[in-house]
Amino acid sequence: MTIREEQVLERISRARNRKARLREDAITLAHGSGGKATHTLIEAVFREAFGNPLLDRLDDSARFTVNGADLAFTTDSYVVSPLFFPGGDIGDLAVNGTVNDLAVSGAIPLHLSAGFILEEGFPVADLRRITESMQRAADAAGVDIVTGDTKVVERGKADGCYINTAGVGVVQSPPTGEVRPGDAVLVTGPIGEHGVTIMLARGELDIEADLVSDTAPLNCLLADLMCSCPGAVRRMRDATRGGVATVLNELAADAGAAVVVEEDAIPVRPAVRGACELLGIDPMYVACEGRAVVVVAPEASEAALASLRSHPLGAESAVIGRVKDDPPGTVLLKTAFGGTRIVDLLVGDPLPRIC
């Protein structure tokens, strides 16, 4: 590493270690992107107000014990635009997203809640279509929607329909949580399909591509992985807002290690790559809704890959990199041209309202 590179990494480390401070006076779309602005908002406002041992872990689900039972609990809200898109809609997206947050925590999802904020004038036929889609997704994931709430706001105040879901599950085989140098990093399929599909579905760009959202429940895929590699799965995260790049940065920061990924090893469909090149967007930052990033012990990488590929939702899984000692807290991408660049947290919001 050159002196110049060491200086750059030192500046990045100092910036990351500063106490988060929200500089804006008003919320922007970037605060919902899953990138740097989101992290600052969480640290400077929500974590400062609500901080406690469960919340401070900042996992996809909170894990706790009640009367000897290990439980996981999560919640999420969905404001995607448009409500209906190739491969799915806001309904199955809401179910699958909550199921996946539980699944990457090593939990078996059991029950969901569903809260609806509806705009005056929203077509009942569209609401029926959404709820029917939610039930099909719940059936596919093996969960029940057992409670909920409905609110209606004035015309023009809610963009048709917003959905909040929460979920609870039983933790049976949680990941160890101890990411170490040498560990393998896998992704369960091609990345960026959901975000690009939503962007094209808006019809604002004259781009045609045969793409559908990757929204899907990952609980069976990941449960099979845990059974196939007992004790070897370190961490699992679903790559939603901010994409795979954000997940890798969070893993590197939590572990105090480096994550080094190979650009050629990252699965990206040609249509996604082409659309991203036209728009100047890196697929690493584009949201997925049916893909997980998995870190496993080095000796289990082949078994983990075989397990994932044996399931239809993981048929195109790939090992994309390894965990290294240095530089700590940093994600490095080895490019197809033989160079290396830093992959930082997402700045701004290139694709707003994708989930």
Protein backbone atom coordinates (compact mmCIF):
# COMPACT_ATOMS: atom_id res chain seq x y z
CA MET A 1 0.00 0.00 0.00
CA THR A 2 1.37 3.41 -0.98
CA ILE A 3 1.72 6.34 1.42
CA ARG A 4 -1.05 8.15 -0.48
CA GLU A 5 -3.40 5.17 -0.09
CA GLU A 6 -2.63 4.96 3.64
CA GLN A 7 -3.44 8.66 4.04
CA VAL A 8 -6.78 8.26 2.25
CA LEU A 9 -7.74 5.27 4.40
CA GLU A 10 -6.73 7.15 7.55
CA ARG A 11 -8.98 10.08 6.62
CA ILE A 12 -11.87 7.73 5.91
CA SER A 13 -11.36 6.04 9.28
CA ARG A 14 -11.33 9.36 11.12
CA ALA A 15 -14.51 10.49 9.37
CA ARG A 16 -16.31 7.25 10.22
CA ASN A 17 -15.29 7.40 13.87
CA ARG A 18 -16.71 10.88 14.40
CA LYS A 19 -19.97 11.12 16.28
CA ALA A 20 -22.85 11.20 13.82
CA ARG A 21 -24.34 14.67 13.41
CA LEU A 22 -27.41 15.51 11.36
CA ARG A 23 -26.52 18.67 9.47
CA GLU A 24 -29.78 19.09 7.54
CA ASP A 25 -32.70 21.05 8.95
CA ALA A 26 -35.26 18.96 7.07
CA ILE A 27 -35.56 15.34 5.93
CA THR A 28 -34.52 14.58 2.34
CA LEU A 29 -35.12 11.56 0.12
CA ALA A 30 -31.51 10.52 0.74
CA HIS A 31 -32.40 9.84 4.39
CA GLY A 32 -34.46 6.87 3.17
CA SER A 33 -31.87 5.44 0.77
CA GLY A 34 -30.12 3.09 3.19
CA GLY A 35 -26.78 4.85 2.65
CA LYS A 36 -24.75 7.43 4.55
CA ALA A 37 -27.67 9.79 5.14
CA THR A 38 -29.81 6.98 6.55
CA HIS A 39 -27.03 5.87 8.88
CA THR A 40 -26.56 9.43 10.11
CA LEU A 41 -30.30 9.82 10.71
CA ILE A 42 -30.43 6.57 12.68
CA GLU A 43 -27.37 7.38 14.78
CA ALA A 44 -28.07 11.07 15.41
CA VAL A 45 -31.84 10.91 15.99
CA PHE A 46 -33.35 7.46 16.55
CA ARG A 47 -30.48 5.71 18.31
CA GLU A 48 -29.83 8.79 20.44
CA ALA A 49 -33.48 8.82 21.52
CA PHE A 50 -34.21 5.09 21.81
CA GLY A 51 -30.79 3.50 22.40
CA ASN A 52 -30.84 0.18 24.27
CA PRO A 53 -28.88 -3.09 24.02
CA LEU A 54 -31.32 -4.70 21.56
CA LEU A 55 -31.60 -1.67 19.28
CA ASP A 56 -27.89 -0.86 19.41
CA ARG A 57 -27.05 -4.09 17.57
CA LEU A 58 -28.78 -2.62 14.48
CA ASP A 59 -29.59 -6.07 13.10
CA ASP A 60 -32.43 -6.82 10.69
CA SER A 61 -34.41 -8.18 13.66
CA ALA A 62 -34.21 -7.78 17.42
CA ARG A 63 -33.50 -11.11 19.15
CA PHE A 64 -34.54 -11.72 22.75
CA THR A 65 -35.70 -14.47 25.12
CA VAL A 66 -39.17 -14.77 26.70
CA ASN A 67 -39.82 -17.63 29.15
CA GLY A 68 -37.02 -19.66 27.63
CA ALA A 69 -38.08 -19.11 24.01
CA ASP A 70 -35.63 -17.33 21.69
CA LEU A 71 -37.62 -14.92 19.54
CA ALA A 72 -36.93 -12.48 16.72
CA PHE A 73 -39.03 -9.40 16.04
CA THR A 74 -38.89 -6.96 13.13
CA THR A 75 -40.90 -4.25 11.39
CA ASP A 76 -40.75 -2.44 8.06
CA SER A 77 -42.76 0.04 6.01
CA TYR A 78 -43.38 0.02 2.25
CA VAL A 79 -43.95 3.09 0.08
CA VAL A 80 -42.90 1.72 -3.32
CA SER A 81 -43.92 3.56 -6.47
CA PRO A 82 -45.52 2.22 -8.62
CA LEU A 83 -47.62 -0.08 -6.44
CA PHE A 84 -47.68 -2.79 -9.13
CA PHE A 85 -44.57 -3.74 -11.09
CA PRO A 86 -43.20 -6.68 -13.11
CA GLY A 87 -42.72 -9.62 -10.77
CA GLY A 88 -44.70 -8.29 -7.82
CA ASP A 89 -46.46 -5.46 -6.03
CA ILE A 90 -46.41 -3.61 -2.74
CA GLY A 91 -48.32 -6.47 -1.09
CA ASP A 92 -45.97 -9.40 -1.68
CA LEU A 93 -43.03 -7.03 -1.23
CA ALA A 94 -44.24 -6.21 2.29
CA VAL A 95 -44.64 -9.86 3.26
CA ASN A 96 -41.37 -11.05 1.72
CA GLY A 97 -39.36 -8.17 3.15
CA THR A 98 -40.48 -8.89 6.71
CA VAL A 99 -40.06 -12.66 6.31
CA ASN A 100 -36.51 -12.11 5.03
CA ASP A 101 -35.56 -9.83 7.94
CA LEU A 102 -36.51 -12.67 10.28
CA ALA A 103 -34.85 -15.35 8.15
CA VAL A 104 -31.43 -13.66 8.04
CA SER A 105 -31.56 -13.55 11.85
CA GLY A 106 -31.79 -17.33 11.91
CA ALA A 107 -35.48 -17.32 12.83
CA ILE A 108 -38.40 -19.35 11.54
CA PRO A 109 -41.03 -16.70 10.66
CA LEU A 110 -44.41 -17.36 12.28
CA HIS A 111 -46.82 -14.42 12.30
CA LEU A 112 -47.07 -10.99 10.68
CA SER A 113 -49.07 -7.84 11.27
CA ALA A 114 -50.22 -5.55 8.46
CA GLY A 115 -51.00 -1.87 8.82
CA PHE A 116 -52.49 0.04 5.88
CA ILE A 117 -52.49 3.79 5.29
CA LEU A 118 -54.95 4.38 2.45
CA GLU A 119 -55.65 7.53 0.52
CA GLU A 120 -59.20 8.71 0.04
CA GLY A 121 -60.32 7.61 -3.43
CA PHE A 122 -58.01 4.57 -3.62
CA PRO A 123 -59.76 1.89 -5.75
CA VAL A 124 -61.14 -1.03 -3.73
CA ALA A 125 -60.23 -3.32 -6.65
CA ASP A 126 -56.55 -2.38 -6.22
CA LEU A 127 -56.76 -2.95 -2.47
CA ARG A 128 -58.23 -6.42 -3.06
CA ARG A 129 -55.45 -7.15 -5.55
CA ILE A 130 -52.84 -6.14 -2.97
CA THR A 131 -54.34 -8.17 -0.11
CA GLU A 132 -54.70 -11.24 -2.33
CA SER A 133 -51.05 -10.90 -3.29
CA MET A 134 -50.10 -10.63 0.38
CA GLN A 135 -51.97 -13.81 1.20
CA ARG A 136 -50.29 -15.72 -1.64
CA ALA A 137 -46.90 -14.52 -0.41
CA ALA A 138 -47.76 -15.47 3.18
CA ASP A 139 -48.82 -18.95 2.04
CA ALA A 140 -45.58 -19.37 0.11
CA ALA A 141 -43.54 -18.35 3.16
CA GLY A 142 -45.59 -20.43 5.61
CA VAL A 143 -46.70 -17.49 7.77
CA ASP A 144 -50.03 -16.03 8.85
CA ILE A 145 -51.11 -12.39 8.89
CA VAL A 146 -52.78 -12.30 12.29
CA THR A 147 -53.38 -8.65 13.19
CA GLY A 148 -53.37 -5.21 11.62
CA ASP A 149 -54.66 -1.68 11.40
CA THR A 150 -56.20 0.64 8.79
CA LYS A 151 -56.07 4.42 8.51
CA VAL A 152 -57.46 6.63 5.74
CA VAL A 153 -56.06 10.08 4.94
CA GLU A 154 -57.27 12.86 2.69
CA ARG A 155 -56.92 12.65 -1.07
CA GLY A 156 -53.37 13.43 -2.16
CA LYS A 157 -51.80 12.70 1.23
CA ALA A 158 -50.59 9.09 0.85
CA ASP A 159 -49.85 8.22 -2.77
CA GLY A 160 -52.59 5.59 -2.79
CA CYS A 161 -51.42 2.99 -0.30
CA TYR A 162 -48.62 2.56 2.22
CA ILE A 163 -48.11 -0.67 4.18
CA ASN A 164 -46.34 -1.40 7.44
CA THR A 165 -45.64 -4.99 8.42
CA ALA A 166 -44.13 -6.46 11.56
CA GLY A 167 -43.15 -10.06 12.13
CA VAL A 168 -42.20 -12.46 14.88
CA GLY A 169 -40.37 -15.76 14.62
CA VAL A 170 -38.65 -18.43 16.69
CA VAL A 171 -34.86 -18.44 16.58
CA GLN A 172 -33.51 -21.97 16.24
CA SER A 173 -30.10 -21.64 14.56
CA PRO A 174 -28.81 -18.07 14.79
CA PRO A 175 -25.62 -17.12 12.93
CA THR A 176 -22.58 -17.00 15.20
CA GLY A 177 -22.11 -13.28 14.52
CA GLU A 178 -18.30 -13.52 14.67
CA VAL A 179 -17.00 -12.50 11.25
CA ARG A 180 -13.29 -13.33 10.98
CA PRO A 181 -10.47 -12.86 8.47
CA GLY A 182 -10.53 -15.70 5.96
CA ASP A 183 -14.30 -16.05 5.97
CA ALA A 184 -16.02 -16.37 2.60
CA VAL A 185 -18.65 -13.88 1.42
CA LEU A 186 -21.49 -15.19 -0.73
CA VAL A 187 -24.51 -13.66 -2.45
CA THR A 188 -27.55 -15.81 -3.16
CA GLY A 189 -28.21 -14.59 -6.70
CA PRO A 190 -27.88 -11.80 -9.27
CA ILE A 191 -28.05 -8.35 -7.71
CA GLY A 192 -29.92 -5.14 -8.48
CA GLU A 193 -32.96 -6.62 -10.23
CA HIS A 194 -35.61 -5.14 -7.95
CA GLY A 195 -34.32 -1.58 -8.02
CA VAL A 196 -33.84 -1.50 -11.79
CA THR A 197 -37.25 -3.11 -12.37
CA ILE A 198 -38.95 -0.43 -10.27
CA MET A 199 -37.08 2.32 -12.08
CA LEU A 200 -38.10 1.02 -15.50
CA ALA A 201 -41.70 0.40 -14.37
CA ARG A 202 -42.09 4.13 -13.73
CA GLY A 203 -41.87 4.72 -17.47
CA GLU A 204 -39.73 7.82 -17.08
CA LEU A 205 -36.90 6.39 -19.18
CA ASP A 206 -36.92 5.13 -22.74
CA ILE A 207 -35.26 1.84 -21.79
CA GLU A 208 -36.72 -1.58 -22.48
CA ALA A 209 -35.48 -4.63 -20.61
CA ASP A 210 -36.86 -8.07 -19.86
CA LEU A 211 -36.61 -7.75 -16.09
CA VAL A 212 -38.79 -8.64 -13.12
CA SER A 213 -38.33 -7.92 -9.44
CA ASP A 214 -36.47 -10.56 -7.45
CA THR A 215 -38.89 -10.26 -4.51
CA ALA A 216 -39.14 -13.66 -2.81
CA PRO A 217 -39.18 -15.27 0.67
CA LEU A 218 -35.74 -16.54 1.66
CA ASN A 219 -36.67 -18.41 4.85
CA CYS A 220 -36.52 -21.94 3.39
CA LEU A 221 -33.32 -21.23 1.43
CA LEU A 222 -31.52 -19.89 4.51
CA ALA A 223 -32.92 -22.53 6.87
CA ASP A 224 -31.50 -25.23 4.57
CA LEU A 225 -28.15 -23.42 4.60
CA MET A 226 -28.05 -23.35 8.40
CA CYS A 227 -28.79 -27.08 8.51
CA SER A 228 -26.12 -27.86 5.91
CA CYS A 229 -23.41 -25.78 7.61
CA PRO A 230 -24.09 -25.95 11.37
CA GLY A 231 -21.97 -23.50 13.32
CA ALA A 232 -20.25 -22.18 10.18
CA VAL A 233 -22.62 -19.37 9.18
CA ARG A 234 -21.26 -16.13 10.65
CA ARG A 235 -23.71 -13.48 9.42
CA MET A 236 -26.64 -13.15 7.01
CA ARG A 237 -28.13 -9.92 5.71
CA ASP A 238 -30.71 -9.19 3.03
CA ALA A 239 -29.50 -6.58 0.56
CA THR A 240 -32.41 -4.15 0.32
CA ARG A 241 -31.96 -0.34 0.45
CA GLY A 242 -28.38 0.58 -0.38
CA GLY A 243 -27.78 -2.78 -2.03
CA VAL A 244 -24.94 -5.24 -1.53
CA ALA A 245 -22.40 -2.44 -1.10
CA THR A 246 -24.14 -1.10 2.01
CA VAL A 247 -24.42 -4.58 3.56
CA LEU A 248 -20.72 -5.23 2.98
CA ASN A 249 -19.78 -1.91 4.57
CA GLU A 250 -21.90 -2.68 7.62
CA LEU A 251 -20.31 -6.11 7.95
CA ALA A 252 -16.80 -4.67 7.63
CA ALA A 253 -17.50 -1.97 10.22
CA ASP A 254 -19.05 -4.42 12.69
CA ALA A 255 -16.16 -6.88 12.34
CA GLY A 256 -13.37 -4.28 12.31
CA ALA A 257 -12.03 -6.05 9.24
CA ALA A 258 -11.82 -5.58 5.49
CA VAL A 259 -14.10 -7.20 2.94
CA VAL A 260 -12.43 -7.77 -0.43
CA VAL A 261 -14.73 -8.70 -3.31
CA GLU A 262 -14.02 -9.65 -6.92
CA GLU A 263 -15.96 -7.63 -9.49
CA ASP A 264 -16.02 -10.53 -11.95
CA ALA A 265 -17.49 -12.84 -9.30
CA ILE A 266 -20.53 -10.67 -8.53
CA PRO A 267 -23.55 -11.97 -10.48
CA VAL A 268 -25.30 -9.19 -12.42
CA ARG A 269 -27.72 -9.83 -15.26
CA PRO A 270 -26.81 -8.09 -18.55
CA ALA A 271 -30.06 -6.08 -18.54
CA VAL A 272 -29.31 -4.73 -15.04
CA ARG A 273 -25.72 -3.92 -15.94
CA GLY A 274 -26.78 -2.20 -19.14
CA ALA A 275 -29.44 -0.05 -17.46
CA CYS A 276 -27.03 0.90 -14.68
CA GLU A 277 -24.31 1.88 -17.18
CA LEU A 278 -26.75 4.11 -19.07
CA LEU A 279 -27.73 5.85 -15.83
CA GLY A 280 -24.29 5.98 -14.25
CA ILE A 281 -25.35 3.79 -11.31
CA ASP A 282 -23.26 1.01 -9.75
CA PRO A 283 -25.31 -2.24 -9.45
CA MET A 284 -23.65 -2.78 -6.06
CA TYR A 285 -25.82 0.04 -4.67
CA VAL A 286 -29.12 -1.05 -6.25
CA ALA A 287 -31.70 -2.70 -4.00
CA CYS A 288 -32.58 -6.38 -4.06
CA GLU A 289 -35.67 -7.89 -2.41
CA GLY A 290 -34.90 -11.58 -2.71
CA ARG A 291 -31.12 -11.79 -2.23
CA ALA A 292 -29.02 -12.28 0.88
CA VAL A 293 -25.36 -11.71 1.63
CA VAL A 294 -23.96 -14.59 3.67
CA VAL A 295 -20.62 -14.86 5.48
CA VAL A 296 -19.40 -18.38 6.28
CA ALA A 297 -16.27 -19.96 7.73
CA PRO A 298 -13.63 -20.61 5.05
CA GLU A 299 -13.82 -24.39 5.38
CA ALA A 300 -17.59 -24.29 4.77
CA SER A 301 -17.62 -22.14 1.63
CA GLU A 302 -18.04 -25.02 -0.82
CA ALA A 303 -20.75 -26.72 1.27
CA ALA A 304 -22.57 -23.40 1.68
CA LEU A 305 -22.46 -22.70 -2.04
CA ALA A 306 -23.72 -26.20 -2.84
CA SER A 307 -26.58 -25.83 -0.35
CA LEU A 308 -27.66 -22.48 -1.75
CA ARG A 309 -27.47 -23.67 -5.36
CA SER A 310 -29.60 -26.71 -4.60
CA HIS A 311 -32.59 -24.41 -3.97
CA PRO A 312 -34.40 -22.66 -6.86
CA LEU A 313 -33.96 -19.24 -5.20
CA GLY A 314 -30.22 -19.79 -4.81
CA ALA A 315 -29.39 -21.48 -8.11
CA GLU A 316 -27.16 -18.57 -9.18
CA SER A 317 -25.41 -18.07 -5.83
CA ALA A 318 -21.74 -17.15 -5.92
CA VAL A 319 -18.73 -16.64 -3.66
CA ILE A 320 -17.87 -13.00 -4.28
CA GLY A 321 -15.04 -12.34 -1.84
CA ARG A 322 -13.26 -12.87 1.45
CA VAL A 323 -12.81 -11.15 4.78
CA LYS A 324 -9.29 -9.80 5.36
CA ASP A 325 -7.43 -8.18 8.26
CA ASP A 326 -6.66 -4.82 6.67
CA PRO A 327 -7.68 -2.10 6.10
CA PRO A 328 -10.23 -2.48 8.93
CA GLY A 329 -13.80 -1.35 8.32
CA THR A 330 -13.26 -1.03 4.58
CA VAL A 331 -14.74 -2.71 1.50
CA LEU A 332 -12.37 -3.12 -1.43
CA LEU A 333 -13.40 -4.13 -4.95
CA LYS A 334 -10.89 -5.82 -7.23
CA THR A 335 -11.99 -4.56 -10.62
CA ALA A 336 -12.15 -6.47 -13.89
CA PHE A 337 -9.24 -4.30 -15.11
CA GLY A 338 -6.90 -5.45 -12.36
CA GLY A 339 -7.18 -2.41 -10.11
CA THR A 340 -8.65 -1.97 -6.64
CA ARG A 341 -11.08 0.67 -5.42
CA ILE A 342 -12.88 1.47 -2.18
CA VAL A 343 -16.61 0.75 -2.11
CA ASP A 344 -18.04 3.22 0.38
CA LEU A 345 -21.57 3.67 1.71
CA LEU A 346 -24.13 5.03 -0.73
CA VAL A 347 -24.27 8.81 -0.99
CA GLY A 348 -27.55 10.39 -2.11
CA ASP A 349 -30.56 8.47 -3.42
CA PRO A 350 -30.28 7.43 -7.08
CA LEU A 351 -33.46 5.32 -6.98
CA PRO A 352 -36.00 6.72 -4.50
CA ARG A 353 -39.18 4.88 -3.43
CA ILE A 354 -38.00 1.38 -4.42
CA CYS A 355 -39.50 -0.43 -1.41
